[in-house]
Amino acid sequence: MQKGTCNGLGILSILLLLSGCIEPAPLPVPPDADSCGATSLQTLVGRPASVLQTMRFGTVTRFLRPGMAVTEDYSASRLNISIDKSGTITAVSCG
């Protein structure tokens, strides 16, 4: 009985040592922080929302206003433009 216990501990020790040799999975690559082009549109912040009427955006764009229902799903390629109650652009971001 004692011999079987020693063999079991020996095998367990070898398995523990070998598990340290396994290479961990690589970290996932984060999405491009500016995949929707928000960085180039930061000059819109502080301007009246009326400037958006003549603009065309090359991606799906969401205009967010106070009290508006918004889905919480994240899409790195979607452009979000936040507009406050007074009609001023307060933020431009991806998501």
PDB file of N, CA and C in Angstrom:
ATOM      1  N   MET A   1       0.824  -1.189   0.000  1.00  0.00           N
ATOM      2  CA  MET A   1       0.000   0.000   0.000  1.00  0.00           C
ATOM      3  C   MET A   1       0.864   1.248   0.000  1.00  0.00           C
ATOM      4  N   GLN A   2       1.924   1.216   0.791  1.00  0.00           N
ATOM      5  CA  GLN A   2       2.807   2.372   0.883  1.00  0.00           C
ATOM      6  C   GLN A   2       3.551   2.596  -0.429  1.00  0.00           C
ATOM      7  N   LYS A   3       3.933   1.514  -1.116  1.00  0.00           N
ATOM      8  CA  LYS A   3       4.647   1.624  -2.379  1.00  0.00           C
ATOM      9  C   LYS A   3       3.760   2.270  -3.452  1.00  0.00           C
ATOM     10  N   GLY A   4       2.476   1.925  -3.491  1.00  0.00           N
ATOM     11  CA  GLY A   4       1.545   2.509  -4.451  1.00  0.00           C
ATOM     12  C   GLY A   4       1.363   3.999  -4.226  1.00  0.00           C
ATOM     13  N   THR A   5       1.365   4.417  -2.963  1.00  0.00           N
ATOM     14  CA  THR A   5       1.233   5.838  -2.643  1.00  0.00           C
ATOM     15  C   THR A   5       2.445   6.609  -3.126  1.00  0.00           C
ATOM     16  N   CYS A   6       3.629   6.022  -2.956  1.00  0.00           N
ATOM     17  CA  CYS A   6       4.858   6.687  -3.407  1.00  0.00           C
ATOM     18  C   CYS A   6       4.875   6.828  -4.921  1.00  0.00           C
ATOM     19  N   ASN A   7       4.448   5.780  -5.632  1.00  0.00           N
ATOM     20  CA  ASN A   7       4.408   5.848  -7.096  1.00  0.00           C
ATOM     21  C   ASN A   7       3.418   6.917  -7.563  1.00  0.00           C
ATOM     22  N   GLY A   8       2.281   6.995  -6.898  1.00  0.00           N
ATOM     23  CA  GLY A   8       1.279   7.998  -7.259  1.00  0.00           C
ATOM     24  C   GLY A   8       1.798   9.408  -7.056  1.00  0.00           C
ATOM     25  N   LEU A   9       2.512   9.622  -5.949  1.00  0.00           N
ATOM     26  CA  LEU A   9       3.089  10.950  -5.691  1.00  0.00           C
ATOM     27  C   LEU A   9       4.176  11.278  -6.698  1.00  0.00           C
ATOM     28  N   GLY A  10       4.942  10.272  -7.102  1.00  0.00           N
ATOM     29  CA  GLY A  10       6.000  10.492  -8.094  1.00  0.00           C
ATOM     30  C   GLY A  10       5.422  10.904  -9.439  1.00  0.00           C
ATOM     31  N   ILE A  11       4.372  10.214  -9.841  1.00  0.00           N
ATOM     32  CA  ILE A  11       3.723  10.538 -11.117  1.00  0.00           C
ATOM     33  C   ILE A  11       3.100  11.930 -11.056  1.00  0.00           C
ATOM     34  N   LEU A  12       2.465  12.245  -9.937  1.00  0.00           N
ATOM     35  CA  LEU A  12       1.863  13.563  -9.764  1.00  0.00           C
ATOM     36  C   LEU A  12       2.923  14.660  -9.830  1.00  0.00           C
ATOM     37  N   SER A  13       4.076  14.421  -9.210  1.00  0.00           N
ATOM     38  CA  SER A  13       5.173  15.400  -9.234  1.00  0.00           C
ATOM     39  C   SER A  13       5.665  15.632 -10.652  1.00  0.00           C
ATOM     40  N   ILE A  14       5.805  14.556 -11.416  1.00  0.00           N
ATOM     41  CA  ILE A  14       6.270  14.680 -12.801  1.00  0.00           C
ATOM     42  C   ILE A  14       5.255  15.465 -13.632  1.00  0.00           C
ATOM     43  N   LEU A  15       3.976  15.176 -13.448  1.00  0.00           N
ATOM     44  CA  LEU A  15       2.940  15.895 -14.194  1.00  0.00           C
ATOM     45  C   LEU A  15       2.936  17.382 -13.853  1.00  0.00           C
ATOM     46  N   LEU A  16       3.126  17.705 -12.581  1.00  0.00           N
ATOM     47  CA  LEU A  16       3.176  19.115 -12.182  1.00  0.00           C
ATOM     48  C   LEU A  16       4.371  19.823 -12.802  1.00  0.00           C
ATOM     49  N   LEU A  17       5.517  19.157 -12.833  1.00  0.00           N
ATOM     50  CA  LEU A  17       6.707  19.755 -13.448  1.00  0.00           C
ATOM     51  C   LEU A  17       6.501  19.975 -14.942  1.00  0.00           C
ATOM     52  N   LEU A  18       5.907  18.996 -15.605  1.00  0.00           N
ATOM     53  CA  LEU A  18       5.678  19.121 -17.047  1.00  0.00           C
ATOM     54  C   LEU A  18       4.651  20.199 -17.379  1.00  0.00           C
ATOM     55  N   SER A  19       3.689  20.422 -16.508  1.00  0.00           N
ATOM     56  CA  SER A  19       2.679  21.446 -16.788  1.00  0.00           C
ATOM     57  C   SER A  19       3.297  22.840 -16.816  1.00  0.00           C
ATOM     58  N   GLY A  20       4.416  23.023 -16.145  1.00  0.00           N
ATOM     59  CA  GLY A  20       5.118  24.306 -16.186  1.00  0.00           C
ATOM     60  C   GLY A  20       5.787  24.550 -17.523  1.00  0.00           C
ATOM     61  N   CYS A  21       5.935  23.514 -18.336  1.00  0.00           N
ATOM     62  CA  CYS A  21       6.585  23.644 -19.642  1.00  0.00           C
ATOM     63  C   CYS A  21       5.605  24.010 -20.754  1.00  0.00           C
ATOM     64  N   ILE A  22       4.333  24.002 -20.464  1.00  0.00           N
ATOM     65  CA  ILE A  22       3.328  24.313 -21.481  1.00  0.00           C
ATOM     66  C   ILE A  22       3.303  25.818 -21.724  1.00  0.00           C
ATOM     67  N   GLU A  23       3.400  26.194 -22.982  1.00  0.00           N
ATOM     68  CA  GLU A  23       3.389  27.611 -23.347  1.00  0.00           C
ATOM     69  C   GLU A  23       1.964  28.151 -23.262  1.00  0.00           C
ATOM     70  N   PRO A  24       1.777  29.301 -22.580  1.00  0.00           N
ATOM     71  CA  PRO A  24       0.419  29.855 -22.469  1.00  0.00           C
ATOM     72  C   PRO A  24      -0.079  30.360 -23.823  1.00  0.00           C
ATOM     73  N   ALA A  25      -1.381  30.395 -23.971  1.00  0.00           N
ATOM     74  CA  ALA A  25      -1.986  30.896 -25.210  1.00  0.00           C
ATOM     75  C   ALA A  25      -1.675  32.384 -25.359  1.00  0.00           C
ATOM     76  N   PRO A  26      -1.438  32.861 -26.578  1.00  0.00           N
ATOM     77  CA  PRO A  26      -1.151  34.288 -26.768  1.00  0.00           C
ATOM     78  C   PRO A  26      -2.371  35.141 -26.425  1.00  0.00           C
ATOM     79  N   LEU A  27      -2.114  36.356 -25.987  1.00  0.00           N
ATOM     80  CA  LEU A  27      -3.197  37.282 -25.660  1.00  0.00           C
ATOM     81  C   LEU A  27      -3.899  37.713 -26.940  1.00  0.00           C
ATOM     82  N   PRO A  28      -5.203  37.912 -26.903  1.00  0.00           N
ATOM     83  CA  PRO A  28      -5.911  38.358 -28.108  1.00  0.00           C
ATOM     84  C   PRO A  28      -5.468  39.769 -28.488  1.00  0.00           C
ATOM     85  N   VAL A  29      -5.446  40.026 -29.772  1.00  0.00           N
ATOM     86  CA  VAL A  29      -5.054  41.345 -30.269  1.00  0.00           C
ATOM     87  C   VAL A  29      -6.239  42.287 -30.103  1.00  0.00           C
ATOM     88  N   PRO A  30      -6.028  43.425 -29.405  1.00  0.00           N
ATOM     89  CA  PRO A  30      -7.147  44.354 -29.226  1.00  0.00           C
ATOM     90  C   PRO A  30      -7.527  45.000 -30.554  1.00  0.00           C
ATOM     91  N   PRO A  31      -8.798  45.352 -30.724  1.00  0.00           N
ATOM     92  CA  PRO A  31      -9.200  46.005 -31.970  1.00  0.00           C
ATOM     93  C   PRO A  31      -8.534  47.369 -32.094  1.00  0.00           C
ATOM     94  N   ASP A  32      -8.385  47.821 -33.314  1.00  0.00           N
ATOM     95  CA  ASP A  32      -7.806  49.136 -33.570  1.00  0.00           C
ATOM     96  C   ASP A  32      -8.608  50.175 -32.800  1.00  0.00           C
ATOM     97  N   ALA A  33      -7.909  50.985 -32.000  1.00  0.00           N
ATOM     98  CA  ALA A  33      -8.581  51.971 -31.147  1.00  0.00           C
ATOM     99  C   ALA A  33      -9.352  53.011 -31.963  1.00  0.00           C
ATOM    100  N   ASP A  34      -8.985  53.192 -33.224  1.00  0.00           N
ATOM    101  CA  ASP A  34      -9.664  54.194 -34.042  1.00  0.00           C
ATOM    102  C   ASP A  34     -10.207  53.566 -35.326  1.00  0.00           C
ATOM    103  N   SER A  35     -10.802  52.407 -35.205  1.00  0.00           N
ATOM    104  CA  SER A  35     -11.294  51.712 -36.390  1.00  0.00           C
ATOM    105  C   SER A  35     -12.493  52.398 -37.042  1.00  0.00           C
ATOM    106  N   CYS A  36     -13.112  53.361 -36.346  1.00  0.00           N
ATOM    107  CA  CYS A  36     -14.271  54.066 -36.921  1.00  0.00           C
ATOM    108  C   CYS A  36     -13.903  55.466 -37.412  1.00  0.00           C
ATOM    109  N   GLY A  37     -12.680  55.912 -37.178  1.00  0.00           N
ATOM    110  CA  GLY A  37     -12.250  57.232 -37.637  1.00  0.00           C
ATOM    111  C   GLY A  37     -12.559  58.373 -36.687  1.00  0.00           C
ATOM    112  N   ALA A  38     -12.853  58.074 -35.425  1.00  0.00           N
ATOM    113  CA  ALA A  38     -13.231  59.114 -34.454  1.00  0.00           C
ATOM    114  C   ALA A  38     -12.111  60.114 -34.179  1.00  0.00           C
ATOM    115  N   THR A  39     -10.875  59.674 -34.243  1.00  0.00           N
ATOM    116  CA  THR A  39      -9.754  60.569 -33.939  1.00  0.00           C
ATOM    117  C   THR A  39      -9.739  61.779 -34.864  1.00  0.00           C
ATOM    118  N   SER A  40      -9.971  61.557 -36.132  1.00  0.00           N
ATOM    119  CA  SER A  40      -9.935  62.667 -37.092  1.00  0.00           C
ATOM    120  C   SER A  40     -11.146  63.590 -36.977  1.00  0.00           C
ATOM    121  N   LEU A  41     -12.149  63.194 -36.201  1.00  0.00           N
ATOM    122  CA  LEU A  41     -13.361  64.004 -36.054  1.00  0.00           C
ATOM    123  C   LEU A  41     -13.463  64.701 -34.697  1.00  0.00           C
ATOM    124  N   GLN A  42     -12.410  64.653 -33.905  1.00  0.00           N
ATOM    125  CA  GLN A  42     -12.440  65.273 -32.578  1.00  0.00           C
ATOM    126  C   GLN A  42     -12.637  66.785 -32.641  1.00  0.00           C
ATOM    127  N   THR A  43     -12.355  67.392 -33.785  1.00  0.00           N
ATOM    128  CA  THR A  43     -12.563  68.838 -33.937  1.00  0.00           C
ATOM    129  C   THR A  43     -14.048  69.204 -33.903  1.00  0.00           C
ATOM    130  N   LEU A  44     -14.920  68.211 -34.030  1.00  0.00           N
ATOM    131  CA  LEU A  44     -16.364  68.471 -33.965  1.00  0.00           C
ATOM    132  C   LEU A  44     -16.841  68.743 -32.541  1.00  0.00           C
ATOM    133  N   VAL A  45     -16.105  68.246 -31.549  1.00  0.00           N
ATOM    134  CA  VAL A  45     -16.514  68.415 -30.150  1.00  0.00           C
ATOM    135  C   VAL A  45     -16.565  69.905 -29.815  1.00  0.00           C
ATOM    136  N   GLY A  46     -17.703  70.331 -29.263  1.00  0.00           N
ATOM    137  CA  GLY A  46     -17.910  71.733 -28.910  1.00  0.00           C
ATOM    138  C   GLY A  46     -18.631  72.533 -29.985  1.00  0.00           C
ATOM    139  N   ARG A  47     -18.788  71.949 -31.151  1.00  0.00           N
ATOM    140  CA  ARG A  47     -19.473  72.639 -32.244  1.00  0.00           C
ATOM    141  C   ARG A  47     -20.957  72.287 -32.244  1.00  0.00           C
ATOM    142  N   PRO A  48     -21.784  73.107 -32.889  1.00  0.00           N
ATOM    143  CA  PRO A  48     -23.222  72.806 -32.942  1.00  0.00           C
ATOM    144  C   PRO A  48     -23.486  71.574 -33.813  1.00  0.00           C
ATOM    145  N   ALA A  49     -24.481  70.794 -33.436  1.00  0.00           N
ATOM    146  CA  ALA A  49     -24.823  69.578 -34.178  1.00  0.00           C
ATOM    147  C   ALA A  49     -25.253  69.883 -35.608  1.00  0.00           C
ATOM    148  N   SER A  50     -25.639  71.097 -35.890  1.00  0.00           N
ATOM    149  CA  SER A  50     -26.071  71.463 -37.246  1.00  0.00           C
ATOM    150  C   SER A  50     -24.954  71.266 -38.275  1.00  0.00           C
ATOM    151  N   VAL A  51     -23.682  71.266 -37.849  1.00  0.00           N
ATOM    152  CA  VAL A  51     -22.581  71.054 -38.798  1.00  0.00           C
ATOM    153  C   VAL A  51     -22.605  69.633 -39.359  1.00  0.00           C
ATOM    154  N   LEU A  52     -23.309  68.722 -38.700  1.00  0.00           N
ATOM    155  CA  LEU A  52     -23.362  67.325 -39.135  1.00  0.00           C
ATOM    156  C   LEU A  52     -24.289  67.119 -40.328  1.00  0.00           C
ATOM    157  N   GLN A  53     -25.189  68.067 -40.574  1.00  0.00           N
ATOM    158  CA  GLN A  53     -26.197  67.904 -41.622  1.00  0.00           C
ATOM    159  C   GLN A  53     -25.604  67.725 -43.011  1.00  0.00           C
ATOM    160  N   THR A  54     -24.484  68.335 -43.279  1.00  0.00           N
ATOM    161  CA  THR A  54     -23.883  68.249 -44.609  1.00  0.00           C
ATOM    162  C   THR A  54     -22.753  67.224 -44.678  1.00  0.00           C
ATOM    163  N   MET A  55     -22.454  66.576 -43.568  1.00  0.00           N
ATOM    164  CA  MET A  55     -21.338  65.632 -43.531  1.00  0.00           C
ATOM    165  C   MET A  55     -21.788  64.226 -43.904  1.00  0.00           C
ATOM    166  N   ARG A  56     -20.873  63.476 -44.516  1.00  0.00           N
ATOM    167  CA  ARG A  56     -21.087  62.061 -44.831  1.00  0.00           C
ATOM    168  C   ARG A  56     -19.998  61.282 -44.100  1.00  0.00           C
ATOM    169  N   PHE A  57     -20.390  60.173 -43.503  1.00  0.00           N
ATOM    170  CA  PHE A  57     -19.445  59.356 -42.757  1.00  0.00           C
ATOM    171  C   PHE A  57     -19.281  58.014 -43.463  1.00  0.00           C
ATOM    172  N   GLY A  58     -18.058  57.513 -43.500  1.00  0.00           N
ATOM    173  CA  GLY A  58     -17.765  56.271 -44.213  1.00  0.00           C
ATOM    174  C   GLY A  58     -18.046  55.018 -43.414  1.00  0.00           C
ATOM    175  N   THR A  59     -18.763  55.141 -42.326  1.00  0.00           N
ATOM    176  CA  THR A  59     -19.069  53.995 -41.479  1.00  0.00           C
ATOM    177  C   THR A  59     -20.453  54.174 -40.862  1.00  0.00           C
ATOM    178  N   VAL A  60     -20.951  53.133 -40.231  1.00  0.00           N
ATOM    179  CA  VAL A  60     -22.233  53.230 -39.529  1.00  0.00           C
ATOM    180  C   VAL A  60     -22.079  54.272 -38.429  1.00  0.00           C
ATOM    181  N   THR A  61     -23.000  55.218 -38.383  1.00  0.00           N
ATOM    182  CA  THR A  61     -22.907  56.319 -37.416  1.00  0.00           C
ATOM    183  C   THR A  61     -24.160  56.365 -36.561  1.00  0.00           C
ATOM    184  N   ARG A  62     -23.938  56.607 -35.280  1.00  0.00           N
ATOM    185  CA  ARG A  62     -25.046  56.689 -34.323  1.00  0.00           C
ATOM    186  C   ARG A  62     -24.978  58.053 -33.645  1.00  0.00           C
ATOM    187  N   PHE A  63     -26.074  58.784 -33.682  1.00  0.00           N
ATOM    188  CA  PHE A  63     -26.159  60.098 -33.043  1.00  0.00           C
ATOM    189  C   PHE A  63     -26.883  59.913 -31.714  1.00  0.00           C
ATOM    190  N   LEU A  64     -26.195  60.185 -30.628  1.00  0.00           N
ATOM    191  CA  LEU A  64     -26.729  59.930 -29.288  1.00  0.00           C
ATOM    192  C   LEU A  64     -27.163  61.231 -28.632  1.00  0.00           C
ATOM    193  N   ARG A  65     -28.411  61.267 -28.214  1.00  0.00           N
ATOM    194  CA  ARG A  65     -28.972  62.446 -27.546  1.00  0.00           C
ATOM    195  C   ARG A  65     -29.452  62.053 -26.151  1.00  0.00           C
ATOM    196  N   PRO A  66     -29.530  63.012 -25.221  1.00  0.00           N
ATOM    197  CA  PRO A  66     -29.975  62.713 -23.857  1.00  0.00           C
ATOM    198  C   PRO A  66     -31.350  62.041 -23.842  1.00  0.00           C
ATOM    199  N   GLY A  67     -31.486  60.993 -23.030  1.00  0.00           N
ATOM    200  CA  GLY A  67     -32.751  60.287 -22.885  1.00  0.00           C
ATOM    201  C   GLY A  67     -33.067  59.307 -23.993  1.00  0.00           C
ATOM    202  N   MET A  68     -32.209  59.228 -24.987  1.00  0.00           N
ATOM    203  CA  MET A  68     -32.439  58.350 -26.127  1.00  0.00           C
ATOM    204  C   MET A  68     -32.121  56.899 -25.754  1.00  0.00           C
ATOM    205  N   ALA A  69     -32.960  55.963 -26.183  1.00  0.00           N
ATOM    206  CA  ALA A  69     -32.684  54.541 -25.958  1.00  0.00           C
ATOM    207  C   ALA A  69     -31.546  54.109 -26.880  1.00  0.00           C
ATOM    208  N   VAL A  70     -30.554  53.435 -26.306  1.00  0.00           N
ATOM    209  CA  VAL A  70     -29.375  53.027 -27.069  1.00  0.00           C
ATOM    210  C   VAL A  70     -29.041  51.580 -26.723  1.00  0.00           C
ATOM    211  N   THR A  71     -28.735  50.786 -27.735  1.00  0.00           N
ATOM    212  CA  THR A  71     -28.299  49.415 -27.462  1.00  0.00           C
ATOM    213  C   THR A  71     -26.907  49.460 -26.849  1.00  0.00           C
ATOM    214  N   GLU A  72     -26.591  48.469 -26.032  1.00  0.00           N
ATOM    215  CA  GLU A  72     -25.294  48.445 -25.364  1.00  0.00           C
ATOM    216  C   GLU A  72     -24.281  47.565 -26.081  1.00  0.00           C
ATOM    217  N   ASP A  73     -24.631  47.053 -27.254  1.00  0.00           N
ATOM    218  CA  ASP A  73     -23.678  46.226 -27.981  1.00  0.00           C
ATOM    219  C   ASP A  73     -22.531  47.090 -28.479  1.00  0.00           C
ATOM    220  N   TYR A  74     -21.327  46.530 -28.486  1.00  0.00           N
ATOM    221  CA  TYR A  74     -20.144  47.270 -28.899  1.00  0.00           C
ATOM    222  C   TYR A  74     -19.781  46.885 -30.321  1.00  0.00           C
ATOM    223  N   SER A  75     -19.544  47.884 -31.144  1.00  0.00           N
ATOM    224  CA  SER A  75     -19.081  47.662 -32.507  1.00  0.00           C
ATOM    225  C   SER A  75     -17.933  48.626 -32.755  1.00  0.00           C
ATOM    226  N   ALA A  76     -16.721  48.093 -32.863  1.00  0.00           N
ATOM    227  CA  ALA A  76     -15.528  48.931 -33.014  1.00  0.00           C
ATOM    228  C   ALA A  76     -15.582  49.801 -34.263  1.00  0.00           C
ATOM    229  N   SER A  77     -16.320  49.370 -35.271  1.00  0.00           N
ATOM    230  CA  SER A  77     -16.370  50.137 -36.517  1.00  0.00           C
ATOM    231  C   SER A  77     -17.485  51.181 -36.536  1.00  0.00           C
ATOM    232  N   ARG A  78     -18.307  51.230 -35.486  1.00  0.00           N
ATOM    233  CA  ARG A  78     -19.421  52.187 -35.446  1.00  0.00           C
ATOM    234  C   ARG A  78     -18.959  53.508 -34.830  1.00  0.00           C
ATOM    235  N   LEU A  79     -19.332  54.608 -35.451  1.00  0.00           N
ATOM    236  CA  LEU A  79     -19.020  55.949 -34.971  1.00  0.00           C
ATOM    237  C   LEU A  79     -20.173  56.450 -34.112  1.00  0.00           C
ATOM    238  N   ASN A  80     -19.863  56.878 -32.899  1.00  0.00           N
ATOM    239  CA  ASN A  80     -20.867  57.444 -31.993  1.00  0.00           C
ATOM    240  C   ASN A  80     -20.612  58.935 -31.844  1.00  0.00           C
ATOM    241  N   ILE A  81     -21.629  59.737 -32.069  1.00  0.00           N
ATOM    242  CA  ILE A  81     -21.524  61.182 -31.879  1.00  0.00           C
ATOM    243  C   ILE A  81     -22.556  61.573 -30.834  1.00  0.00           C
ATOM    244  N   SER A  82     -22.072  62.055 -29.691  1.00  0.00           N
ATOM    245  CA  SER A  82     -22.964  62.449 -28.589  1.00  0.00           C
ATOM    246  C   SER A  82     -23.285  63.927 -28.687  1.00  0.00           C
ATOM    247  N   ILE A  83     -24.567  64.244 -28.525  1.00  0.00           N
ATOM    248  CA  ILE A  83     -25.058  65.618 -28.633  1.00  0.00           C
ATOM    249  C   ILE A  83     -25.847  65.933 -27.368  1.00  0.00           C
ATOM    250  N   ASP A  84     -25.555  67.073 -26.729  1.00  0.00           N
ATOM    251  CA  ASP A  84     -26.259  67.412 -25.483  1.00  0.00           C
ATOM    252  C   ASP A  84     -27.596  68.100 -25.771  1.00  0.00           C
ATOM    253  N   LYS A  85     -28.315  68.462 -24.700  1.00  0.00           N
ATOM    254  CA  LYS A  85     -29.652  69.069 -24.827  1.00  0.00           C
ATOM    255  C   LYS A  85     -29.636  70.378 -25.597  1.00  0.00           C
ATOM    256  N   SER A  86     -28.524  71.098 -25.526  1.00  0.00           N
ATOM    257  CA  SER A  86     -28.461  72.386 -26.217  1.00  0.00           C
ATOM    258  C   SER A  86     -28.049  72.240 -27.681  1.00  0.00           C
ATOM    259  N   GLY A  87     -27.822  70.995 -28.141  1.00  0.00           N
ATOM    260  CA  GLY A  87     -27.465  70.783 -29.540  1.00  0.00           C
ATOM    261  C   GLY A  87     -25.983  70.909 -29.824  1.00  0.00           C
ATOM    262  N   THR A  88     -25.162  70.741 -28.804  1.00  0.00           N
ATOM    263  CA  THR A  88     -23.710  70.823 -28.963  1.00  0.00           C
ATOM    264  C   THR A  88     -23.117  69.419 -28.957  1.00  0.00           C
ATOM    265  N   ILE A  89     -22.176  69.165 -29.840  1.00  0.00           N
ATOM    266  CA  ILE A  89     -21.504  67.866 -29.890  1.00  0.00           C
ATOM    267  C   ILE A  89     -20.579  67.773 -28.678  1.00  0.00           C
ATOM    268  N   THR A  90     -20.759  66.730 -27.878  1.00  0.00           N
ATOM    269  CA  THR A  90     -19.975  66.588 -26.648  1.00  0.00           C
ATOM    270  C   THR A  90     -18.927  65.486 -26.718  1.00  0.00           C
ATOM    271  N   ALA A  91     -19.080  64.544 -27.634  1.00  0.00           N
ATOM    272  CA  ALA A  91     -18.111  63.452 -27.745  1.00  0.00           C
ATOM    273  C   ALA A  91     -18.223  62.779 -29.101  1.00  0.00           C
ATOM    274  N   VAL A  92     -17.086  62.284 -29.577  1.00  0.00           N
ATOM    275  CA  VAL A  92     -17.026  61.497 -30.804  1.00  0.00           C
ATOM    276  C   VAL A  92     -16.163  60.285 -30.468  1.00  0.00           C
ATOM    277  N   SER A  93     -16.730  59.083 -30.623  1.00  0.00           N
ATOM    278  CA  SER A  93     -15.991  57.879 -30.236  1.00  0.00           C
ATOM    279  C   SER A  93     -16.421  56.680 -31.072  1.00  0.00           C
ATOM    280  N   CYS A  94     -15.627  55.631 -30.987  1.00  0.00           N
ATOM    281  CA  CYS A  94     -15.973  54.365 -31.633  1.00  0.00           C
ATOM    282  C   CYS A  94     -16.753  53.518 -30.641  1.00  0.00           C
ATOM    283  N   GLY A  95     -17.604  52.680 -31.125  1.00  0.00           N
ATOM    284  CA  GLY A  95     -18.321  51.766 -30.248  1.00  0.00           C
ATOM    285  C   GLY A  95     -19.694  51.531 -30.724  1.00  0.00           C
TER     286      GLY A  95
END
